[in-house]
Amino acid sequence: MGSDVKQSLTTAEKLLKQGKVDDAVRLCDEVIDDSRGDLLTVNRVGDILAATGYGERAVIYYSRIADQFARQGYYPKAIAIRKKILRLTPDDPRAMVALADVYVAQEHPGEARSFYLRAADTLLQAKDFDAAKEVYSRLVTAEPDDPRHRV
């Protein structure tokens, strides 16, 4: 990371601590644009946001990284970032499903099962039956030979 990038990120962190979130995010976006979307820089921006209490905004940056890793086939790295997102938003069914989807892409449907089931349970509690049905469908697709999921 160049000294300009470090300086800009330090400034962004100070702005966040002062509560100037929009200014800080704008500066972070400029840093990312200047670094041509370098994943380490995007990750650093997410870390700064998460550390200063803006985890919901950090998720946007982390998701970008996880999607990029998954597209490139770096599933263990995508999983690590998805777990980071889940730590920030532990009750978000979208985060659970996204992590499970990466496990399925890595051909580890057994690992995905618990996240799909947690997401479906969360959606059922919220009475979002259509979304829960979609999650169950993903589980059946991931483990088609397991009769428990079809019920």
N, C-alpha and C. Protein backbone atom coordinates (compact mmCIF):
# COMPACT_ATOMS: atom_id res chain seq x y z
N MET A 1 0.85 -1.17 0.00
CA MET A 1 0.00 0.00 0.00
C MET A 1 0.89 1.23 0.00
N GLY A 2 0.63 2.14 -0.91
CA GLY A 2 1.43 3.35 -1.01
C GLY A 2 1.16 4.29 0.14
N SER A 3 2.04 5.27 0.32
CA SER A 3 1.88 6.20 1.43
C SER A 3 0.64 7.07 1.26
N ASP A 4 0.28 7.41 0.00
CA ASP A 4 -0.93 8.19 -0.24
C ASP A 4 -2.17 7.41 0.19
N VAL A 5 -2.18 6.13 -0.11
CA VAL A 5 -3.31 5.28 0.27
C VAL A 5 -3.39 5.19 1.79
N LYS A 6 -2.26 4.96 2.44
CA LYS A 6 -2.26 4.87 3.90
C LYS A 6 -2.74 6.18 4.54
N GLN A 7 -2.26 7.30 3.99
CA GLN A 7 -2.66 8.60 4.52
C GLN A 7 -4.16 8.82 4.34
N SER A 8 -4.67 8.48 3.17
CA SER A 8 -6.10 8.65 2.91
C SER A 8 -6.94 7.76 3.82
N LEU A 9 -6.50 6.53 4.04
CA LEU A 9 -7.24 5.63 4.92
C LEU A 9 -7.19 6.10 6.37
N THR A 10 -6.06 6.66 6.78
CA THR A 10 -5.95 7.22 8.13
C THR A 10 -6.91 8.40 8.28
N THR A 11 -6.98 9.23 7.25
CA THR A 11 -7.91 10.36 7.26
C THR A 11 -9.35 9.87 7.32
N ALA A 12 -9.66 8.83 6.55
CA ALA A 12 -11.01 8.27 6.55
C ALA A 12 -11.37 7.73 7.94
N GLU A 13 -10.42 7.09 8.57
CA GLU A 13 -10.66 6.55 9.91
C GLU A 13 -10.96 7.68 10.90
N LYS A 14 -10.22 8.77 10.79
CA LYS A 14 -10.47 9.93 11.66
C LYS A 14 -11.85 10.51 11.41
N LEU A 15 -12.23 10.60 10.13
CA LEU A 15 -13.56 11.11 9.79
C LEU A 15 -14.66 10.23 10.38
N LEU A 16 -14.46 8.92 10.33
CA LEU A 16 -15.44 8.00 10.90
C LEU A 16 -15.58 8.21 12.40
N LYS A 17 -14.45 8.39 13.06
CA LYS A 17 -14.49 8.60 14.52
C LYS A 17 -15.17 9.91 14.88
N GLN A 18 -15.15 10.86 13.94
CA GLN A 18 -15.84 12.14 14.15
C GLN A 18 -17.31 12.07 13.76
N GLY A 19 -17.72 10.92 13.21
CA GLY A 19 -19.11 10.75 12.81
C GLY A 19 -19.42 11.25 11.41
N LYS A 20 -18.41 11.59 10.65
CA LYS A 20 -18.59 12.09 9.28
C LYS A 20 -18.52 10.90 8.31
N VAL A 21 -19.54 10.06 8.39
CA VAL A 21 -19.55 8.80 7.68
C VAL A 21 -19.55 8.99 6.16
N ASP A 22 -20.41 9.86 5.67
CA ASP A 22 -20.51 10.05 4.22
C ASP A 22 -19.19 10.54 3.63
N ASP A 23 -18.54 11.48 4.33
CA ASP A 23 -17.24 11.98 3.86
C ASP A 23 -16.20 10.86 3.87
N ALA A 24 -16.21 10.07 4.93
CA ALA A 24 -15.24 8.97 5.04
C ALA A 24 -15.45 7.93 3.95
N VAL A 25 -16.71 7.57 3.71
CA VAL A 25 -17.02 6.57 2.68
C VAL A 25 -16.64 7.11 1.30
N ARG A 26 -16.90 8.38 1.07
CA ARG A 26 -16.53 8.99 -0.21
C ARG A 26 -15.02 8.92 -0.41
N LEU A 27 -14.26 9.23 0.63
CA LEU A 27 -12.80 9.15 0.57
C LEU A 27 -12.34 7.70 0.34
N CYS A 28 -12.97 6.77 1.02
CA CYS A 28 -12.64 5.35 0.84
C CYS A 28 -12.90 4.90 -0.60
N ASP A 29 -14.02 5.34 -1.15
CA ASP A 29 -14.34 4.98 -2.53
C ASP A 29 -13.30 5.56 -3.50
N GLU A 30 -12.84 6.77 -3.21
CA GLU A 30 -11.79 7.37 -4.05
C GLU A 30 -10.50 6.56 -3.97
N VAL A 31 -10.16 6.13 -2.76
CA VAL A 31 -8.95 5.31 -2.59
C VAL A 31 -9.07 4.01 -3.38
N ILE A 32 -10.23 3.39 -3.32
CA ILE A 32 -10.45 2.14 -4.04
C ILE A 32 -10.37 2.38 -5.55
N ASP A 33 -10.98 3.47 -6.01
CA ASP A 33 -10.91 3.79 -7.44
C ASP A 33 -9.47 4.03 -7.87
N ASP A 34 -8.71 4.77 -7.04
CA ASP A 34 -7.31 5.06 -7.37
C ASP A 34 -6.46 3.79 -7.40
N SER A 35 -6.83 2.82 -6.57
CA SER A 35 -6.06 1.57 -6.52
C SER A 35 -6.60 0.53 -7.51
N ARG A 36 -7.53 0.97 -8.35
CA ARG A 36 -8.15 0.11 -9.37
C ARG A 36 -8.82 -1.12 -8.76
N GLY A 37 -9.44 -0.93 -7.61
CA GLY A 37 -10.18 -2.02 -6.99
C GLY A 37 -9.33 -3.10 -6.36
N ASP A 38 -8.08 -2.77 -6.01
CA ASP A 38 -7.20 -3.73 -5.37
C ASP A 38 -7.90 -4.34 -4.16
N LEU A 39 -7.97 -5.66 -4.13
CA LEU A 39 -8.74 -6.35 -3.08
C LEU A 39 -8.19 -6.11 -1.69
N LEU A 40 -6.88 -5.96 -1.55
CA LEU A 40 -6.32 -5.67 -0.23
C LEU A 40 -6.78 -4.30 0.26
N THR A 41 -6.86 -3.35 -0.65
CA THR A 41 -7.32 -2.01 -0.28
C THR A 41 -8.80 -2.05 0.09
N VAL A 42 -9.60 -2.77 -0.69
CA VAL A 42 -11.03 -2.90 -0.40
C VAL A 42 -11.21 -3.56 0.97
N ASN A 43 -10.42 -4.59 1.25
CA ASN A 43 -10.48 -5.27 2.54
C ASN A 43 -10.11 -4.31 3.68
N ARG A 44 -9.09 -3.51 3.46
CA ARG A 44 -8.65 -2.55 4.48
C ARG A 44 -9.76 -1.54 4.78
N VAL A 45 -10.43 -1.08 3.71
CA VAL A 45 -11.55 -0.15 3.89
C VAL A 45 -12.65 -0.82 4.71
N GLY A 46 -12.97 -2.06 4.39
CA GLY A 46 -13.97 -2.79 5.17
C GLY A 46 -13.56 -2.94 6.62
N ASP A 47 -12.29 -3.23 6.85
CA ASP A 47 -11.79 -3.38 8.22
C ASP A 47 -11.92 -2.08 9.00
N ILE A 48 -11.60 -0.96 8.34
CA ILE A 48 -11.71 0.34 9.01
C ILE A 48 -13.17 0.62 9.38
N LEU A 49 -14.07 0.38 8.44
CA LEU A 49 -15.49 0.60 8.73
C LEU A 49 -15.98 -0.29 9.86
N ALA A 50 -15.60 -1.56 9.83
CA ALA A 50 -16.04 -2.50 10.88
C ALA A 50 -15.47 -2.10 12.24
N ALA A 51 -14.20 -1.71 12.26
CA ALA A 51 -13.55 -1.38 13.53
C ALA A 51 -14.10 -0.10 14.17
N THR A 52 -14.66 0.76 13.36
CA THR A 52 -15.19 2.02 13.90
C THR A 52 -16.71 1.98 14.08
N GLY A 53 -17.29 0.78 14.00
CA GLY A 53 -18.70 0.62 14.32
C GLY A 53 -19.65 0.73 13.14
N TYR A 54 -19.14 0.70 11.93
CA TYR A 54 -19.99 0.80 10.75
C TYR A 54 -19.97 -0.51 9.97
N GLY A 55 -20.29 -1.58 10.69
CA GLY A 55 -20.24 -2.92 10.11
C GLY A 55 -21.16 -3.12 8.93
N GLU A 56 -22.35 -2.49 8.97
CA GLU A 56 -23.30 -2.64 7.86
C GLU A 56 -22.69 -2.10 6.56
N ARG A 57 -21.97 -1.01 6.66
CA ARG A 57 -21.31 -0.46 5.47
C ARG A 57 -20.11 -1.31 5.06
N ALA A 58 -19.44 -1.88 6.04
CA ALA A 58 -18.29 -2.74 5.74
C ALA A 58 -18.71 -3.96 4.93
N VAL A 59 -19.92 -4.44 5.19
CA VAL A 59 -20.43 -5.62 4.49
C VAL A 59 -20.44 -5.40 2.98
N ILE A 60 -20.74 -4.19 2.56
CA ILE A 60 -20.76 -3.88 1.12
C ILE A 60 -19.39 -4.14 0.50
N TYR A 61 -18.35 -3.70 1.19
CA TYR A 61 -16.99 -3.88 0.68
C TYR A 61 -16.55 -5.34 0.77
N TYR A 62 -16.86 -5.97 1.89
CA TYR A 62 -16.50 -7.38 2.04
C TYR A 62 -17.20 -8.26 1.00
N SER A 63 -18.46 -7.96 0.71
CA SER A 63 -19.19 -8.74 -0.28
C SER A 63 -18.53 -8.64 -1.65
N ARG A 64 -18.07 -7.46 -1.94
CA ARG A 64 -17.37 -7.25 -3.21
C ARG A 64 -16.13 -8.15 -3.33
N ILE A 65 -15.40 -8.25 -2.23
CA ILE A 65 -14.20 -9.09 -2.21
C ILE A 65 -14.58 -10.56 -2.33
N ALA A 66 -15.56 -10.98 -1.54
CA ALA A 66 -15.97 -12.39 -1.55
C ALA A 66 -16.48 -12.81 -2.93
N ASP A 67 -17.25 -11.94 -3.56
CA ASP A 67 -17.75 -12.24 -4.91
C ASP A 67 -16.59 -12.40 -5.89
N GLN A 68 -15.62 -11.52 -5.79
CA GLN A 68 -14.46 -11.58 -6.69
C GLN A 68 -13.68 -12.88 -6.47
N PHE A 69 -13.43 -13.22 -5.22
CA PHE A 69 -12.71 -14.46 -4.93
C PHE A 69 -13.47 -15.68 -5.46
N ALA A 70 -14.78 -15.70 -5.24
CA ALA A 70 -15.59 -16.83 -5.71
C ALA A 70 -15.57 -16.94 -7.23
N ARG A 71 -15.67 -15.80 -7.92
CA ARG A 71 -15.62 -15.82 -9.39
C ARG A 71 -14.29 -16.36 -9.90
N GLN A 72 -13.22 -16.08 -9.16
CA GLN A 72 -11.89 -16.53 -9.57
C GLN A 72 -11.58 -17.94 -9.09
N GLY A 73 -12.49 -18.55 -8.33
CA GLY A 73 -12.29 -19.91 -7.86
C GLY A 73 -11.49 -20.02 -6.58
N TYR A 74 -11.25 -18.91 -5.91
CA TYR A 74 -10.53 -18.92 -4.63
C TYR A 74 -11.54 -19.09 -3.49
N TYR A 75 -12.13 -20.28 -3.44
CA TYR A 75 -13.22 -20.52 -2.51
C TYR A 75 -12.83 -20.39 -1.04
N PRO A 76 -11.68 -20.90 -0.61
CA PRO A 76 -11.33 -20.72 0.81
C PRO A 76 -11.24 -19.24 1.22
N LYS A 77 -10.72 -18.41 0.33
CA LYS A 77 -10.65 -16.98 0.63
C LYS A 77 -12.05 -16.37 0.65
N ALA A 78 -12.89 -16.79 -0.29
CA ALA A 78 -14.27 -16.29 -0.33
C ALA A 78 -15.01 -16.69 0.94
N ILE A 79 -14.78 -17.91 1.39
CA ILE A 79 -15.41 -18.39 2.62
C ILE A 79 -14.95 -17.57 3.82
N ALA A 80 -13.66 -17.28 3.89
CA ALA A 80 -13.14 -16.48 5.01
C ALA A 80 -13.79 -15.10 5.05
N ILE A 81 -13.94 -14.48 3.90
CA ILE A 81 -14.56 -13.16 3.86
C ILE A 81 -16.05 -13.26 4.19
N ARG A 82 -16.72 -14.30 3.69
CA ARG A 82 -18.14 -14.49 4.00
C ARG A 82 -18.35 -14.71 5.51
N LYS A 83 -17.42 -15.40 6.14
CA LYS A 83 -17.51 -15.59 7.60
C LYS A 83 -17.31 -14.26 8.33
N LYS A 84 -16.45 -13.43 7.79
CA LYS A 84 -16.24 -12.09 8.35
C LYS A 84 -17.56 -11.30 8.29
N ILE A 85 -18.24 -11.41 7.17
CA ILE A 85 -19.54 -10.74 7.00
C ILE A 85 -20.55 -11.29 8.00
N LEU A 86 -20.56 -12.60 8.16
CA LEU A 86 -21.51 -13.23 9.08
C LEU A 86 -21.26 -12.82 10.53
N ARG A 87 -19.99 -12.57 10.88
CA ARG A 87 -19.69 -12.08 12.24
C ARG A 87 -20.29 -10.69 12.45
N LEU A 88 -20.33 -9.89 11.39
CA LEU A 88 -20.89 -8.54 11.51
C LEU A 88 -22.41 -8.54 11.48
N THR A 89 -22.99 -9.49 10.75
CA THR A 89 -24.45 -9.58 10.61
C THR A 89 -24.90 -11.02 10.87
N PRO A 90 -24.80 -11.46 12.12
CA PRO A 90 -25.04 -12.88 12.43
C PRO A 90 -26.46 -13.37 12.17
N ASP A 91 -27.43 -12.49 12.12
CA ASP A 91 -28.81 -12.91 11.92
C ASP A 91 -29.33 -12.63 10.51
N ASP A 92 -28.44 -12.27 9.60
CA ASP A 92 -28.85 -11.94 8.24
C ASP A 92 -28.91 -13.21 7.40
N PRO A 93 -30.11 -13.62 7.00
CA PRO A 93 -30.21 -14.86 6.21
C PRO A 93 -29.49 -14.76 4.86
N ARG A 94 -29.40 -13.56 4.29
CA ARG A 94 -28.68 -13.41 3.02
C ARG A 94 -27.20 -13.74 3.20
N ALA A 95 -26.63 -13.34 4.33
CA ALA A 95 -25.22 -13.65 4.60
C ALA A 95 -25.03 -15.15 4.79
N MET A 96 -25.99 -15.79 5.45
CA MET A 96 -25.91 -17.24 5.65
C MET A 96 -25.98 -17.98 4.31
N VAL A 97 -26.92 -17.56 3.47
CA VAL A 97 -27.10 -18.21 2.17
C VAL A 97 -25.88 -17.98 1.28
N ALA A 98 -25.33 -16.77 1.32
CA ALA A 98 -24.16 -16.48 0.50
C ALA A 98 -22.97 -17.36 0.90
N LEU A 99 -22.79 -17.56 2.21
CA LEU A 99 -21.71 -18.43 2.67
C LEU A 99 -21.98 -19.87 2.25
N ALA A 100 -23.21 -20.31 2.42
CA ALA A 100 -23.56 -21.67 2.02
C ALA A 100 -23.34 -21.88 0.52
N ASP A 101 -23.69 -20.88 -0.27
CA ASP A 101 -23.50 -20.99 -1.73
C ASP A 101 -22.03 -21.19 -2.09
N VAL A 102 -21.14 -20.53 -1.37
CA VAL A 102 -19.71 -20.70 -1.65
C VAL A 102 -19.27 -22.11 -1.28
N TYR A 103 -19.78 -22.62 -0.16
CA TYR A 103 -19.46 -24.00 0.21
C TYR A 103 -19.94 -24.97 -0.87
N VAL A 104 -21.11 -24.74 -1.42
CA VAL A 104 -21.63 -25.60 -2.48
C VAL A 104 -20.74 -25.50 -3.71
N ALA A 105 -20.33 -24.28 -4.06
CA ALA A 105 -19.45 -24.09 -5.21
C ALA A 105 -18.13 -24.82 -5.01
N GLN A 106 -17.70 -24.92 -3.76
CA GLN A 106 -16.46 -25.62 -3.44
C GLN A 106 -16.69 -27.13 -3.33
N GLU A 107 -17.93 -27.55 -3.57
CA GLU A 107 -18.33 -28.95 -3.50
C GLU A 107 -18.24 -29.52 -2.08
N HIS A 108 -18.69 -28.70 -1.12
CA HIS A 108 -18.79 -29.13 0.28
C HIS A 108 -20.22 -28.87 0.77
N PRO A 109 -21.20 -29.60 0.21
CA PRO A 109 -22.59 -29.33 0.58
C PRO A 109 -22.89 -29.62 2.05
N GLY A 110 -22.15 -30.52 2.65
CA GLY A 110 -22.35 -30.80 4.07
C GLY A 110 -22.06 -29.58 4.93
N GLU A 111 -21.05 -28.82 4.54
CA GLU A 111 -20.71 -27.58 5.26
C GLU A 111 -21.80 -26.53 5.05
N ALA A 112 -22.40 -26.55 3.87
CA ALA A 112 -23.43 -25.55 3.53
C ALA A 112 -24.73 -25.80 4.28
N ARG A 113 -25.01 -27.07 4.57
CA ARG A 113 -26.30 -27.46 5.14
C ARG A 113 -26.69 -26.61 6.35
N SER A 114 -25.81 -26.49 7.33
CA SER A 114 -26.17 -25.77 8.56
C SER A 114 -26.50 -24.30 8.29
N PHE A 115 -25.80 -23.69 7.34
CA PHE A 115 -26.07 -22.29 7.03
C PHE A 115 -27.40 -22.13 6.30
N TYR A 116 -27.68 -23.06 5.37
CA TYR A 116 -28.98 -23.03 4.70
C TYR A 116 -30.11 -23.22 5.71
N LEU A 117 -29.95 -24.18 6.62
CA LEU A 117 -31.01 -24.44 7.60
C LEU A 117 -31.20 -23.26 8.55
N ARG A 118 -30.11 -22.64 8.98
CA ARG A 118 -30.22 -21.45 9.84
C ARG A 118 -30.93 -20.32 9.12
N ALA A 119 -30.57 -20.12 7.83
CA ALA A 119 -31.20 -19.06 7.06
C ALA A 119 -32.69 -19.33 6.89
N ALA A 120 -33.04 -20.56 6.57
CA ALA A 120 -34.44 -20.91 6.39
C ALA A 120 -35.23 -20.72 7.69
N ASP A 121 -34.64 -21.12 8.80
CA ASP A 121 -35.30 -20.95 10.10
C ASP A 121 -35.52 -19.47 10.40
N THR A 122 -34.52 -18.66 10.14
CA THR A 122 -34.64 -17.22 10.36
C THR A 122 -35.75 -16.63 9.49
N LEU A 123 -35.81 -17.06 8.25
CA LEU A 123 -36.84 -16.56 7.34
C LEU A 123 -38.23 -17.03 7.75
N LEU A 124 -38.33 -18.27 8.23
CA LEU A 124 -39.62 -18.77 8.71
C LEU A 124 -40.10 -17.98 9.92
N GLN A 125 -39.19 -17.65 10.82
CA GLN A 125 -39.55 -16.85 11.99
C GLN A 125 -40.03 -15.47 11.59
N ALA A 126 -39.47 -14.95 10.49
CA ALA A 126 -39.88 -13.64 9.98
C ALA A 126 -41.12 -13.75 9.09
N LYS A 127 -41.64 -14.97 8.93
CA LYS A 127 -42.81 -15.25 8.10
C LYS A 127 -42.60 -14.90 6.63
N ASP A 128 -41.37 -15.04 6.17
CA ASP A 128 -41.04 -14.85 4.76
C ASP A 128 -40.96 -16.24 4.13
N PHE A 129 -42.13 -16.81 3.89
CA PHE A 129 -42.22 -18.20 3.46
C PHE A 129 -41.65 -18.44 2.06
N ASP A 130 -41.82 -17.49 1.17
CA ASP A 130 -41.29 -17.65 -0.18
C ASP A 130 -39.76 -17.72 -0.17
N ALA A 131 -39.14 -16.84 0.60
CA ALA A 131 -37.68 -16.84 0.69
C ALA A 131 -37.18 -18.12 1.37
N ALA A 132 -37.90 -18.57 2.39
CA ALA A 132 -37.52 -19.82 3.08
C ALA A 132 -37.61 -21.00 2.11
N LYS A 133 -38.66 -21.01 1.30
CA LYS A 133 -38.82 -22.08 0.32
C LYS A 133 -37.65 -22.08 -0.67
N GLU A 134 -37.21 -20.90 -1.09
CA GLU A 134 -36.06 -20.78 -2.00
C GLU A 134 -34.79 -21.35 -1.36
N VAL A 135 -34.60 -21.07 -0.08
CA VAL A 135 -33.42 -21.60 0.62
C VAL A 135 -33.49 -23.11 0.70
N TYR A 136 -34.67 -23.65 1.02
CA TYR A 136 -34.82 -25.11 1.06
C TYR A 136 -34.57 -25.72 -0.31
N SER A 137 -34.98 -25.04 -1.35
CA SER A 137 -34.72 -25.52 -2.71
C SER A 137 -33.22 -25.59 -2.99
N ARG A 138 -32.51 -24.60 -2.52
CA ARG A 138 -31.04 -24.62 -2.69
C ARG A 138 -30.42 -25.79 -1.94
N LEU A 139 -30.96 -26.07 -0.77
CA LEU A 139 -30.46 -27.20 0.02
C LEU A 139 -30.72 -28.52 -0.70
N VAL A 140 -31.90 -28.69 -1.26
CA VAL A 140 -32.22 -29.91 -2.01
C VAL A 140 -31.30 -30.04 -3.22
N THR A 141 -31.05 -28.93 -3.90
CA THR A 141 -30.16 -28.95 -5.06
C THR A 141 -28.73 -29.31 -4.64
N ALA A 142 -28.32 -28.81 -3.49
CA ALA A 142 -26.95 -29.08 -3.01
C ALA A 142 -26.77 -30.53 -2.59
N GLU A 143 -27.80 -31.11 -2.00
CA GLU A 143 -27.73 -32.50 -1.53
C GLU A 143 -28.95 -33.28 -2.04
N PRO A 144 -28.98 -33.54 -3.33
CA PRO A 144 -30.17 -34.17 -3.92
C PRO A 144 -30.44 -35.59 -3.43
N ASP A 145 -29.46 -36.29 -2.92
CA ASP A 145 -29.64 -37.67 -2.49
C ASP A 145 -30.10 -37.79 -1.04
N ASP A 146 -30.18 -36.67 -0.32
CA ASP A 146 -30.57 -36.71 1.07
C ASP A 146 -32.09 -36.54 1.18
N PRO A 147 -32.82 -37.60 1.54
CA PRO A 147 -34.28 -37.52 1.56
C PRO A 147 -34.83 -36.58 2.63
N ARG A 148 -34.05 -36.28 3.67
CA ARG A 148 -34.54 -35.39 4.74
C ARG A 148 -34.92 -34.02 4.19
N HIS A 149 -34.22 -33.55 3.19
CA HIS A 149 -34.45 -32.20 2.69
C HIS A 149 -35.70 -32.11 1.84
N ARG A 150 -36.08 -33.19 1.22
CA ARG A 150 -37.25 -33.16 0.37
C ARG A 150 -38.55 -33.04 1.17
N VAL A 151 -38.54 -33.53 2.39
CA VAL A 151 -39.73 -33.45 3.23
C VAL A 151 -39.99 -32.00 3.58
